[in-house]
All heavy atoms as atom14 arrays in JSON, in Angstrom:
{
  "sequence": "AFEHFGVARVDLKTDARNRRSRAAIEAIGATFEGVLRRWSRSWAPGED",
  "atom14_mask": [
    [1, 1, 1, 1, 1, 0, 0, 0, 0, 0, 0, 0, 0, 0],
    [1, 1, 1, 1, 1, 1, 1, 1, 1, 1, 1, 0, 0, 0],
    [1, 1, 1, 1, 1, 1, 1, 1, 1, 0, 0, 0, 0, 0],
    [1, 1, 1, 1, 1, 1, 1, 1, 1, 1, 0, 0, 0, 0],
    [1, 1, 1, 1, 1, 1, 1, 1, 1, 1, 1, 0, 0, 0],
    [1, 1, 1, 1, 0, 0, 0, 0, 0, 0, 0, 0, 0, 0],
    [1, 1, 1, 1, 1, 1, 1, 0, 0, 0, 0, 0, 0, 0],
    [1, 1, 1, 1, 1, 0, 0, 0, 0, 0, 0, 0, 0, 0],
    [1, 1, 1, 1, 1, 1, 1, 1, 1, 1, 1, 0, 0, 0],
    [1, 1, 1, 1, 1, 1, 1, 0, 0, 0, 0, 0, 0, 0],
    [1, 1, 1, 1, 1, 1, 1, 1, 0, 0, 0, 0, 0, 0],
    [1, 1, 1, 1, 1, 1, 1, 1, 0, 0, 0, 0, 0, 0],
    [1, 1, 1, 1, 1, 1, 1, 1, 1, 0, 0, 0, 0, 0],
    [1, 1, 1, 1, 1, 1, 1, 0, 0, 0, 0, 0, 0, 0],
    [1, 1, 1, 1, 1, 1, 1, 1, 0, 0, 0, 0, 0, 0],
    [1, 1, 1, 1, 1, 0, 0, 0, 0, 0, 0, 0, 0, 0],
    [1, 1, 1, 1, 1, 1, 1, 1, 1, 1, 1, 0, 0, 0],
    [1, 1, 1, 1, 1, 1, 1, 1, 0, 0, 0, 0, 0, 0],
    [1, 1, 1, 1, 1, 1, 1, 1, 1, 1, 1, 0, 0, 0],
    [1, 1, 1, 1, 1, 1, 1, 1, 1, 1, 1, 0, 0, 0],
    [1, 1, 1, 1, 1, 1, 0, 0, 0, 0, 0, 0, 0, 0],
    [1, 1, 1, 1, 1, 1, 1, 1, 1, 1, 1, 0, 0, 0],
    [1, 1, 1, 1, 1, 0, 0, 0, 0, 0, 0, 0, 0, 0],
    [1, 1, 1, 1, 1, 0, 0, 0, 0, 0, 0, 0, 0, 0],
    [1, 1, 1, 1, 1, 1, 1, 1, 0, 0, 0, 0, 0, 0],
    [1, 1, 1, 1, 1, 1, 1, 1, 1, 0, 0, 0, 0, 0],
    [1, 1, 1, 1, 1, 0, 0, 0, 0, 0, 0, 0, 0, 0],
    [1, 1, 1, 1, 1, 1, 1, 1, 0, 0, 0, 0, 0, 0],
    [1, 1, 1, 1, 0, 0, 0, 0, 0, 0, 0, 0, 0, 0],
    [1, 1, 1, 1, 1, 0, 0, 0, 0, 0, 0, 0, 0, 0],
    [1, 1, 1, 1, 1, 1, 1, 0, 0, 0, 0, 0, 0, 0],
    [1, 1, 1, 1, 1, 1, 1, 1, 1, 1, 1, 0, 0, 0],
    [1, 1, 1, 1, 1, 1, 1, 1, 1, 0, 0, 0, 0, 0],
    [1, 1, 1, 1, 0, 0, 0, 0, 0, 0, 0, 0, 0, 0],
    [1, 1, 1, 1, 1, 1, 1, 0, 0, 0, 0, 0, 0, 0],
    [1, 1, 1, 1, 1, 1, 1, 1, 0, 0, 0, 0, 0, 0],
    [1, 1, 1, 1, 1, 1, 1, 1, 1, 1, 1, 0, 0, 0],
    [1, 1, 1, 1, 1, 1, 1, 1, 1, 1, 1, 0, 0, 0],
    [1, 1, 1, 1, 1, 1, 1, 1, 1, 1, 1, 1, 1, 1],
    [1, 1, 1, 1, 1, 1, 0, 0, 0, 0, 0, 0, 0, 0],
    [1, 1, 1, 1, 1, 1, 1, 1, 1, 1, 1, 0, 0, 0],
    [1, 1, 1, 1, 1, 1, 0, 0, 0, 0, 0, 0, 0, 0],
    [1, 1, 1, 1, 1, 1, 1, 1, 1, 1, 1, 1, 1, 1],
    [1, 1, 1, 1, 1, 0, 0, 0, 0, 0, 0, 0, 0, 0],
    [1, 1, 1, 1, 1, 1, 1, 0, 0, 0, 0, 0, 0, 0],
    [1, 1, 1, 1, 0, 0, 0, 0, 0, 0, 0, 0, 0, 0],
    [1, 1, 1, 1, 1, 1, 1, 1, 1, 0, 0, 0, 0, 0],
    [1, 1, 1, 1, 1, 1, 1, 1, 0, 0, 0, 0, 0, 0]
  ],
  "atom14_positions": [
    [[106.61, 105.16, 97.21], [106.8, 104.1, 98.21], [108.03, 103.26, 97.9], [108.84, 102.96, 98.8], [105.56, 103.2, 98.25], [0.0, 0.0, 0.0], [0.0, 0.0, 0.0], [0.0, 0.0, 0.0], [0.0, 0.0, 0.0], [0.0, 0.0, 0.0], [0.0, 0.0, 0.0], [0.0, 0.0, 0.0], [0.0, 0.0, 0.0], [0.0, 0.0, 0.0]],
    [[108.22, 102.89, 96.64], [109.38, 102.07, 96.29], [110.67, 102.89, 96.21], [111.72, 102.44, 96.7], [109.15, 101.37, 94.94], [108.24, 100.18, 95.03], [107.08, 100.12, 94.28], [108.53, 99.12, 95.87], [106.23, 99.03, 94.35], [107.69, 98.01, 95.96], [106.54, 97.97, 95.19], [0.0, 0.0, 0.0], [0.0, 0.0, 0.0], [0.0, 0.0, 0.0]],
    [[110.61, 104.08, 95.63], [111.83, 104.81, 95.32], [112.3, 105.73, 96.43], [113.48, 106.12, 96.44], [111.64, 105.57, 94.01], [111.37, 104.62, 92.84], [111.15, 105.33, 91.51], [111.35, 106.57, 91.44], [110.8, 104.64, 90.52], [0.0, 0.0, 0.0], [0.0, 0.0, 0.0], [0.0, 0.0, 0.0], [0.0, 0.0, 0.0], [0.0, 0.0, 0.0]],
    [[111.42, 106.08, 97.37], [111.82, 106.95, 98.47], [111.67, 106.29, 99.84], [112.58, 106.35, 100.66], [111.04, 108.27, 98.42], [111.37, 109.1, 97.22], [112.39, 110.02, 97.2], [110.83, 109.12, 95.97], [112.47, 110.58, 96.01], [111.53, 110.06, 95.25], [0.0, 0.0, 0.0], [0.0, 0.0, 0.0], [0.0, 0.0, 0.0], [0.0, 0.0, 0.0]],
    [[110.53, 105.63, 100.08], [110.42, 104.88, 101.32], [111.28, 103.63, 101.3], [111.69, 103.13, 102.34], [108.97, 104.46, 101.58], [108.04, 105.58, 101.97], [106.69, 105.51, 101.65], [108.49, 106.7, 102.66], [105.81, 106.52, 102.01], [107.63, 107.72, 103.03], [106.29, 107.63, 102.7], [0.0, 0.0, 0.0], [0.0, 0.0, 0.0], [0.0, 0.0, 0.0]],
    [[111.53, 103.1, 100.09], [112.36, 101.92, 99.96], [111.68, 100.63, 100.4], [112.35, 99.69, 100.85], [0.0, 0.0, 0.0], [0.0, 0.0, 0.0], [0.0, 0.0, 0.0], [0.0, 0.0, 0.0], [0.0, 0.0, 0.0], [0.0, 0.0, 0.0], [0.0, 0.0, 0.0], [0.0, 0.0, 0.0], [0.0, 0.0, 0.0], [0.0, 0.0, 0.0]],
    [[110.35, 100.56, 100.24], [109.63, 99.37, 100.68], [109.9, 98.2, 99.75], [110.3, 98.36, 98.6], [108.11, 99.62, 100.77], [107.8, 100.73, 101.76], [107.52, 99.95, 99.4], [0.0, 0.0, 0.0], [0.0, 0.0, 0.0], [0.0, 0.0, 0.0], [0.0, 0.0, 0.0], [0.0, 0.0, 0.0], [0.0, 0.0, 0.0], [0.0, 0.0, 0.0]],
    [[109.67, 97.0, 100.28], [109.76, 95.79, 99.47], [108.41, 95.41, 98.89], [108.34, 94.59, 97.96], [110.28, 94.63, 100.33], [0.0, 0.0, 0.0], [0.0, 0.0, 0.0], [0.0, 0.0, 0.0], [0.0, 0.0, 0.0], [0.0, 0.0, 0.0], [0.0, 0.0, 0.0], [0.0, 0.0, 0.0], [0.0, 0.0, 0.0], [0.0, 0.0, 0.0]],
    [[107.34, 96.03, 99.39], [105.99, 95.6, 99.02], [104.99, 96.74, 99.24], [105.07, 97.47, 100.22], [105.62, 94.41, 99.89], [104.19, 93.94, 99.84], [103.93, 92.88, 100.91], [102.53, 92.52, 100.93], [101.99, 91.48, 100.31], [102.76, 90.67, 99.61], [100.69, 91.23, 100.37], [0.0, 0.0, 0.0], [0.0, 0.0, 0.0], [0.0, 0.0, 0.0]],
    [[104.04, 96.86, 98.29], [102.89, 97.75, 98.42], [101.63, 96.9, 98.35], [101.47, 96.09, 97.44], [102.87, 98.82, 97.31], [101.56, 99.61, 97.35], [104.06, 99.76, 97.44], [0.0, 0.0, 0.0], [0.0, 0.0, 0.0], [0.0, 0.0, 0.0], [0.0, 0.0, 0.0], [0.0, 0.0, 0.0], [0.0, 0.0, 0.0], [0.0, 0.0, 0.0]],
    [[100.75, 97.08, 99.34], [99.49, 96.34, 99.39], [98.32, 97.22, 98.93], [98.33, 98.45, 99.14], [99.15, 95.92, 100.82], [100.14, 94.95, 101.42], [100.91, 94.34, 100.66], [100.14, 94.81, 102.65], [0.0, 0.0, 0.0], [0.0, 0.0, 0.0], [0.0, 0.0, 0.0], [0.0, 0.0, 0.0], [0.0, 0.0, 0.0], [0.0, 0.0, 0.0]],
    [[97.31, 96.58, 98.37], [96.02, 97.21, 98.08], [94.94, 96.2, 98.4], [95.06, 95.02, 98.04], [95.91, 97.64, 96.61], [96.98, 98.61, 96.1], [98.02, 97.87, 95.28], [96.38, 99.74, 95.28], [0.0, 0.0, 0.0], [0.0, 0.0, 0.0], [0.0, 0.0, 0.0], [0.0, 0.0, 0.0], [0.0, 0.0, 0.0], [0.0, 0.0, 0.0]],
    [[93.87, 96.63, 99.1], [92.77, 95.74, 99.45], [91.44, 96.39, 99.09], [91.33, 97.62, 99.09], [92.77, 95.42, 100.95], [93.91, 94.54, 101.41], [93.6, 93.84, 102.74], [93.39, 94.79, 103.89], [94.63, 95.41, 104.37], [0.0, 0.0, 0.0], [0.0, 0.0, 0.0], [0.0, 0.0, 0.0], [0.0, 0.0, 0.0], [0.0, 0.0, 0.0]],
    [[90.44, 95.55, 98.83], [89.1, 96.05, 98.58], [88.1, 94.97, 98.95], [88.46, 93.8, 99.11], [88.94, 96.43, 97.09], [87.7, 97.11, 96.9], [88.99, 95.22, 96.17], [0.0, 0.0, 0.0], [0.0, 0.0, 0.0], [0.0, 0.0, 0.0], [0.0, 0.0, 0.0], [0.0, 0.0, 0.0], [0.0, 0.0, 0.0], [0.0, 0.0, 0.0]],
    [[86.85, 95.37, 99.11], [85.79, 94.39, 99.34], [85.83, 93.37, 98.2], [85.87, 93.73, 97.01], [84.43, 95.12, 99.36], [83.29, 94.24, 99.86], [83.09, 93.15, 99.28], [82.6, 94.66, 100.81], [0.0, 0.0, 0.0], [0.0, 0.0, 0.0], [0.0, 0.0, 0.0], [0.0, 0.0, 0.0], [0.0, 0.0, 0.0], [0.0, 0.0, 0.0]],
    [[85.82, 92.09, 98.54], [85.94, 91.04, 97.52], [84.81, 91.08, 96.5], [84.97, 90.6, 95.38], [85.99, 89.68, 98.19], [0.0, 0.0, 0.0], [0.0, 0.0, 0.0], [0.0, 0.0, 0.0], [0.0, 0.0, 0.0], [0.0, 0.0, 0.0], [0.0, 0.0, 0.0], [0.0, 0.0, 0.0], [0.0, 0.0, 0.0], [0.0, 0.0, 0.0]],
    [[83.68, 91.68, 96.86], [82.54, 91.77, 95.94], [82.63, 92.97, 95.0], [81.82, 93.08, 94.06], [81.24, 91.87, 96.74], [80.97, 90.67, 97.63], [79.88, 90.98, 98.63], [80.29, 92.01, 99.59], [79.53, 92.46, 100.57], [78.3, 91.97, 100.72], [79.96, 93.38, 101.4], [0.0, 0.0, 0.0], [0.0, 0.0, 0.0], [0.0, 0.0, 0.0]],
    [[83.59, 93.85, 95.22], [83.66, 95.1, 94.47], [84.42, 94.87, 93.16], [85.62, 95.1, 93.07], [84.35, 96.18, 95.32], [84.21, 97.56, 94.72], [83.93, 97.71, 93.53], [84.4, 98.58, 95.54], [0.0, 0.0, 0.0], [0.0, 0.0, 0.0], [0.0, 0.0, 0.0], [0.0, 0.0, 0.0], [0.0, 0.0, 0.0], [0.0, 0.0, 0.0]],
    [[83.7, 94.41, 92.16], [84.34, 94.06, 90.88], [84.97, 95.28, 90.21], [86.04, 95.16, 89.59], [83.31, 93.44, 89.93], [82.71, 92.13, 90.41], [83.77, 91.1, 90.76], [84.8, 90.96, 89.75], [85.91, 90.25, 89.88], [86.13, 89.61, 91.02], [86.79, 90.18, 88.92], [0.0, 0.0, 0.0], [0.0, 0.0, 0.0], [0.0, 0.0, 0.0]],
    [[84.36, 96.43, 90.34], [84.92, 97.62, 89.7], [86.27, 97.99, 90.33], [87.24, 98.26, 89.62], [83.93, 98.78, 89.85], [84.4, 100.06, 89.19], [83.29, 101.1, 89.19], [83.68, 102.29, 88.47], [82.83, 103.23, 88.1], [81.55, 103.11, 88.36], [83.26, 104.3, 87.46], [0.0, 0.0, 0.0], [0.0, 0.0, 0.0], [0.0, 0.0, 0.0]],
    [[86.33, 97.97, 91.65], [87.58, 98.29, 92.33], [88.64, 97.23, 92.04], [89.81, 97.55, 91.8], [87.33, 98.39, 93.84], [88.53, 98.62, 94.52], [0.0, 0.0, 0.0], [0.0, 0.0, 0.0], [0.0, 0.0, 0.0], [0.0, 0.0, 0.0], [0.0, 0.0, 0.0], [0.0, 0.0, 0.0], [0.0, 0.0, 0.0], [0.0, 0.0, 0.0]],
    [[88.25, 95.98, 92.04], [89.21, 94.91, 91.77], [89.77, 95.02, 90.35], [90.97, 94.83, 90.13], [88.56, 93.54, 92.0], [88.25, 93.28, 93.46], [87.64, 91.91, 93.7], [88.62, 90.84, 93.41], [88.44, 89.57, 93.73], [87.31, 89.2, 94.34], [89.34, 88.66, 93.43], [0.0, 0.0, 0.0], [0.0, 0.0, 0.0], [0.0, 0.0, 0.0]],
    [[88.92, 95.35, 89.4], [89.39, 95.52, 88.02], [90.38, 96.67, 87.92], [91.39, 96.57, 87.19], [88.2, 95.76, 87.09], [0.0, 0.0, 0.0], [0.0, 0.0, 0.0], [0.0, 0.0, 0.0], [0.0, 0.0, 0.0], [0.0, 0.0, 0.0], [0.0, 0.0, 0.0], [0.0, 0.0, 0.0], [0.0, 0.0, 0.0], [0.0, 0.0, 0.0]],
    [[90.13, 97.76, 88.64], [91.05, 98.9, 88.6], [92.39, 98.54, 89.22], [93.45, 98.95, 88.71], [90.42, 100.08, 89.34], [0.0, 0.0, 0.0], [0.0, 0.0, 0.0], [0.0, 0.0, 0.0], [0.0, 0.0, 0.0], [0.0, 0.0, 0.0], [0.0, 0.0, 0.0], [0.0, 0.0, 0.0], [0.0, 0.0, 0.0], [0.0, 0.0, 0.0]],
    [[92.38, 97.78, 90.3], [93.63, 97.35, 90.94], [94.39, 96.41, 90.02], [95.63, 96.52, 89.86], [93.34, 96.7, 92.3], [92.78, 97.73, 93.28], [94.6, 96.06, 92.87], [92.26, 97.13, 94.58], [0.0, 0.0, 0.0], [0.0, 0.0, 0.0], [0.0, 0.0, 0.0], [0.0, 0.0, 0.0], [0.0, 0.0, 0.0], [0.0, 0.0, 0.0]],
    [[93.69, 95.48, 89.4], [94.35, 94.56, 88.49], [94.92, 95.27, 87.28], [95.98, 94.89, 86.75], [93.35, 93.47, 88.08], [93.01, 92.52, 89.23], [91.75, 91.7, 88.99], [91.18, 91.78, 87.87], [91.34, 90.98, 89.92], [0.0, 0.0, 0.0], [0.0, 0.0, 0.0], [0.0, 0.0, 0.0], [0.0, 0.0, 0.0], [0.0, 0.0, 0.0]],
    [[94.24, 96.33, 86.83], [94.69, 97.06, 85.65], [96.03, 97.76, 85.86], [96.76, 98.01, 84.9], [93.63, 98.07, 85.22], [0.0, 0.0, 0.0], [0.0, 0.0, 0.0], [0.0, 0.0, 0.0], [0.0, 0.0, 0.0], [0.0, 0.0, 0.0], [0.0, 0.0, 0.0], [0.0, 0.0, 0.0], [0.0, 0.0, 0.0], [0.0, 0.0, 0.0]],
    [[96.36, 98.09, 87.11], [97.65, 98.74, 87.35], [98.76, 97.72, 87.57], [99.92, 98.09, 87.79], [97.6, 99.72, 88.54], [97.37, 98.97, 89.86], [96.53, 100.78, 88.31], [97.46, 99.88, 91.08], [0.0, 0.0, 0.0], [0.0, 0.0, 0.0], [0.0, 0.0, 0.0], [0.0, 0.0, 0.0], [0.0, 0.0, 0.0], [0.0, 0.0, 0.0]],
    [[98.43, 96.43, 87.49], [99.46, 95.4, 87.55], [99.67, 94.76, 88.9], [100.64, 94.02, 89.09], [0.0, 0.0, 0.0], [0.0, 0.0, 0.0], [0.0, 0.0, 0.0], [0.0, 0.0, 0.0], [0.0, 0.0, 0.0], [0.0, 0.0, 0.0], [0.0, 0.0, 0.0], [0.0, 0.0, 0.0], [0.0, 0.0, 0.0], [0.0, 0.0, 0.0]],
    [[98.76, 95.01, 89.84], [98.9, 94.37, 91.15], [98.5, 92.9, 91.05], [97.61, 92.53, 90.29], [98.03, 95.08, 92.18], [0.0, 0.0, 0.0], [0.0, 0.0, 0.0], [0.0, 0.0, 0.0], [0.0, 0.0, 0.0], [0.0, 0.0, 0.0], [0.0, 0.0, 0.0], [0.0, 0.0, 0.0], [0.0, 0.0, 0.0], [0.0, 0.0, 0.0]],
    [[99.17, 92.07, 91.83], [98.94, 90.63, 91.81], [97.92, 90.25, 92.88], [98.07, 90.63, 94.05], [100.25, 89.88, 92.07], [101.17, 90.17, 91.01], [100.03, 88.37, 92.15], [0.0, 0.0, 0.0], [0.0, 0.0, 0.0], [0.0, 0.0, 0.0], [0.0, 0.0, 0.0], [0.0, 0.0, 0.0], [0.0, 0.0, 0.0], [0.0, 0.0, 0.0]],
    [[96.91, 89.48, 92.48], [95.9, 89.0, 93.42], [96.51, 87.89, 94.27], [97.07, 86.92, 93.75], [94.69, 88.48, 92.65], [93.64, 87.83, 93.5], [93.03, 88.53, 94.54], [93.27, 86.51, 93.27], [92.05, 87.94, 95.32], [92.29, 85.91, 94.05], [91.68, 86.62, 95.07], [0.0, 0.0, 0.0], [0.0, 0.0, 0.0], [0.0, 0.0, 0.0]],
    [[96.4, 88.03, 95.58], [96.99, 87.05, 96.49], [95.96, 86.2, 97.22], [96.31, 85.23, 97.88], [97.88, 87.76, 97.51], [99.08, 88.43, 96.87], [100.07, 88.96, 97.89], [99.67, 89.24, 99.04], [101.24, 89.09, 97.53], [0.0, 0.0, 0.0], [0.0, 0.0, 0.0], [0.0, 0.0, 0.0], [0.0, 0.0, 0.0], [0.0, 0.0, 0.0]],
    [[94.69, 86.56, 97.15], [93.67, 85.76, 97.8], [92.66, 86.63, 98.52], [92.74, 87.85, 98.53], [0.0, 0.0, 0.0], [0.0, 0.0, 0.0], [0.0, 0.0, 0.0], [0.0, 0.0, 0.0], [0.0, 0.0, 0.0], [0.0, 0.0, 0.0], [0.0, 0.0, 0.0], [0.0, 0.0, 0.0], [0.0, 0.0, 0.0], [0.0, 0.0, 0.0]],
    [[91.69, 85.96, 99.12], [90.63, 86.64, 99.87], [90.81, 86.38, 101.36], [90.95, 85.23, 101.79], [89.24, 86.15, 99.41], [88.15, 86.72, 100.3], [88.99, 86.55, 97.95], [0.0, 0.0, 0.0], [0.0, 0.0, 0.0], [0.0, 0.0, 0.0], [0.0, 0.0, 0.0], [0.0, 0.0, 0.0], [0.0, 0.0, 0.0], [0.0, 0.0, 0.0]],
    [[90.85, 87.47, 102.11], [90.94, 87.4, 103.57], [89.51, 87.41, 104.1], [88.82, 88.42, 104.05], [91.73, 88.59, 104.11], [93.13, 88.75, 103.51], [93.75, 90.07, 103.96], [94.02, 87.59, 103.91], [0.0, 0.0, 0.0], [0.0, 0.0, 0.0], [0.0, 0.0, 0.0], [0.0, 0.0, 0.0], [0.0, 0.0, 0.0], [0.0, 0.0, 0.0]],
    [[89.07, 86.27, 104.59], [87.66, 86.13, 104.97], [87.35, 86.86, 106.27], [88.11, 86.78, 107.23], [87.33, 84.64, 105.08], [87.46, 83.9, 103.76], [87.1, 82.43, 103.9], [87.96, 81.75, 104.86], [87.71, 80.52, 105.32], [86.61, 79.88, 104.94], [88.54, 79.96, 106.16], [0.0, 0.0, 0.0], [0.0, 0.0, 0.0], [0.0, 0.0, 0.0]],
    [[86.2, 87.58, 106.23], [85.75, 88.36, 107.39], [86.9, 89.2, 107.96], [87.17, 89.19, 109.14], [85.18, 87.42, 108.46], [84.02, 86.58, 107.99], [82.83, 87.45, 107.56], [81.67, 86.64, 107.21], [81.36, 86.25, 105.97], [82.14, 86.62, 104.95], [80.3, 85.52, 105.73], [0.0, 0.0, 0.0], [0.0, 0.0, 0.0], [0.0, 0.0, 0.0]],
    [[87.53, 89.96, 107.1], [88.78, 90.64, 107.44], [88.58, 92.01, 108.07], [89.27, 92.39, 109.0], [89.65, 90.78, 106.19], [90.95, 91.47, 106.44], [91.29, 92.76, 106.08], [92.1, 90.95, 107.1], [92.56, 93.05, 106.47], [93.09, 91.94, 107.1], [92.38, 89.72, 107.7], [94.34, 91.75, 107.68], [93.63, 89.54, 108.26], [94.58, 90.55, 108.25]],
    [[87.64, 92.78, 107.54], [87.48, 94.14, 108.04], [86.04, 94.59, 107.92], [85.21, 93.9, 107.32], [88.4, 95.12, 107.28], [88.06, 95.15, 105.9], [0.0, 0.0, 0.0], [0.0, 0.0, 0.0], [0.0, 0.0, 0.0], [0.0, 0.0, 0.0], [0.0, 0.0, 0.0], [0.0, 0.0, 0.0], [0.0, 0.0, 0.0], [0.0, 0.0, 0.0]],
    [[85.76, 95.73, 108.49], [84.39, 96.25, 108.54], [83.8, 96.4, 107.13], [84.46, 96.89, 106.22], [84.4, 97.61, 109.24], [83.05, 98.29, 109.3], [83.15, 99.6, 110.06], [81.88, 100.29, 110.1], [81.67, 101.44, 110.75], [82.67, 102.01, 111.41], [80.48, 102.01, 110.75], [0.0, 0.0, 0.0], [0.0, 0.0, 0.0], [0.0, 0.0, 0.0]],
    [[82.55, 96.0, 106.99], [81.85, 96.2, 105.72], [81.27, 97.6, 105.66], [80.72, 98.1, 106.66], [80.72, 95.17, 105.57], [79.96, 95.47, 104.4], [0.0, 0.0, 0.0], [0.0, 0.0, 0.0], [0.0, 0.0, 0.0], [0.0, 0.0, 0.0], [0.0, 0.0, 0.0], [0.0, 0.0, 0.0], [0.0, 0.0, 0.0], [0.0, 0.0, 0.0]],
    [[81.37, 98.23, 104.48], [80.77, 99.54, 104.26], [79.57, 99.44, 103.33], [79.01, 100.46, 102.93], [81.81, 100.5, 103.67], [82.95, 100.73, 104.59], [84.23, 100.27, 104.45], [82.94, 101.47, 105.82], [85.0, 100.68, 105.51], [84.24, 101.42, 106.37], [81.95, 102.17, 106.51], [84.58, 102.04, 107.56], [82.28, 102.79, 107.71], [83.58, 102.72, 108.22]],
    [[79.18, 98.21, 102.96], [78.03, 98.04, 102.07], [76.74, 98.42, 102.78], [76.59, 98.21, 103.99], [77.97, 96.6, 101.59], [0.0, 0.0, 0.0], [0.0, 0.0, 0.0], [0.0, 0.0, 0.0], [0.0, 0.0, 0.0], [0.0, 0.0, 0.0], [0.0, 0.0, 0.0], [0.0, 0.0, 0.0], [0.0, 0.0, 0.0], [0.0, 0.0, 0.0]],
    [[75.79, 98.99, 102.05], [74.51, 99.37, 102.67], [73.84, 98.17, 103.35], [73.83, 97.06, 102.81], [73.68, 99.86, 101.47], [74.69, 100.28, 100.46], [75.85, 99.36, 100.62], [0.0, 0.0, 0.0], [0.0, 0.0, 0.0], [0.0, 0.0, 0.0], [0.0, 0.0, 0.0], [0.0, 0.0, 0.0], [0.0, 0.0, 0.0], [0.0, 0.0, 0.0]],
    [[73.32, 98.4, 104.54], [72.62, 97.36, 105.27], [73.5, 96.37, 106.0], [73.01, 95.38, 106.56], [0.0, 0.0, 0.0], [0.0, 0.0, 0.0], [0.0, 0.0, 0.0], [0.0, 0.0, 0.0], [0.0, 0.0, 0.0], [0.0, 0.0, 0.0], [0.0, 0.0, 0.0], [0.0, 0.0, 0.0], [0.0, 0.0, 0.0], [0.0, 0.0, 0.0]],
    [[74.82, 96.64, 106.01], [75.75, 95.7, 106.64], [76.48, 96.31, 107.84], [77.59, 95.9, 108.16], [76.74, 95.16, 105.61], [76.08, 94.32, 104.54], [77.06, 93.64, 103.59], [78.3, 93.84, 103.76], [76.6, 92.92, 102.69], [0.0, 0.0, 0.0], [0.0, 0.0, 0.0], [0.0, 0.0, 0.0], [0.0, 0.0, 0.0], [0.0, 0.0, 0.0]],
    [[75.87, 97.26, 108.49], [76.46, 97.86, 109.69], [76.76, 96.77, 110.72], [75.91, 95.91, 111.01], [75.52, 98.89, 110.31], [75.39, 100.14, 109.46], [76.15, 100.28, 108.5], [74.49, 100.95, 109.75], [0.0, 0.0, 0.0], [0.0, 0.0, 0.0], [0.0, 0.0, 0.0], [0.0, 0.0, 0.0], [0.0, 0.0, 0.0], [0.0, 0.0, 0.0]]
  ]
}
């Protein structure tokens, strides 16, 4: 993305409750920018 597409920014998002996914994103050096409230469809069980 950076070296061929030439982007200025790469985004990653996950359910704010997903601690495992958030830890993995943080481990690769991505910066947390905040929580987008009621942003997208929930995939959690019972939350259709």
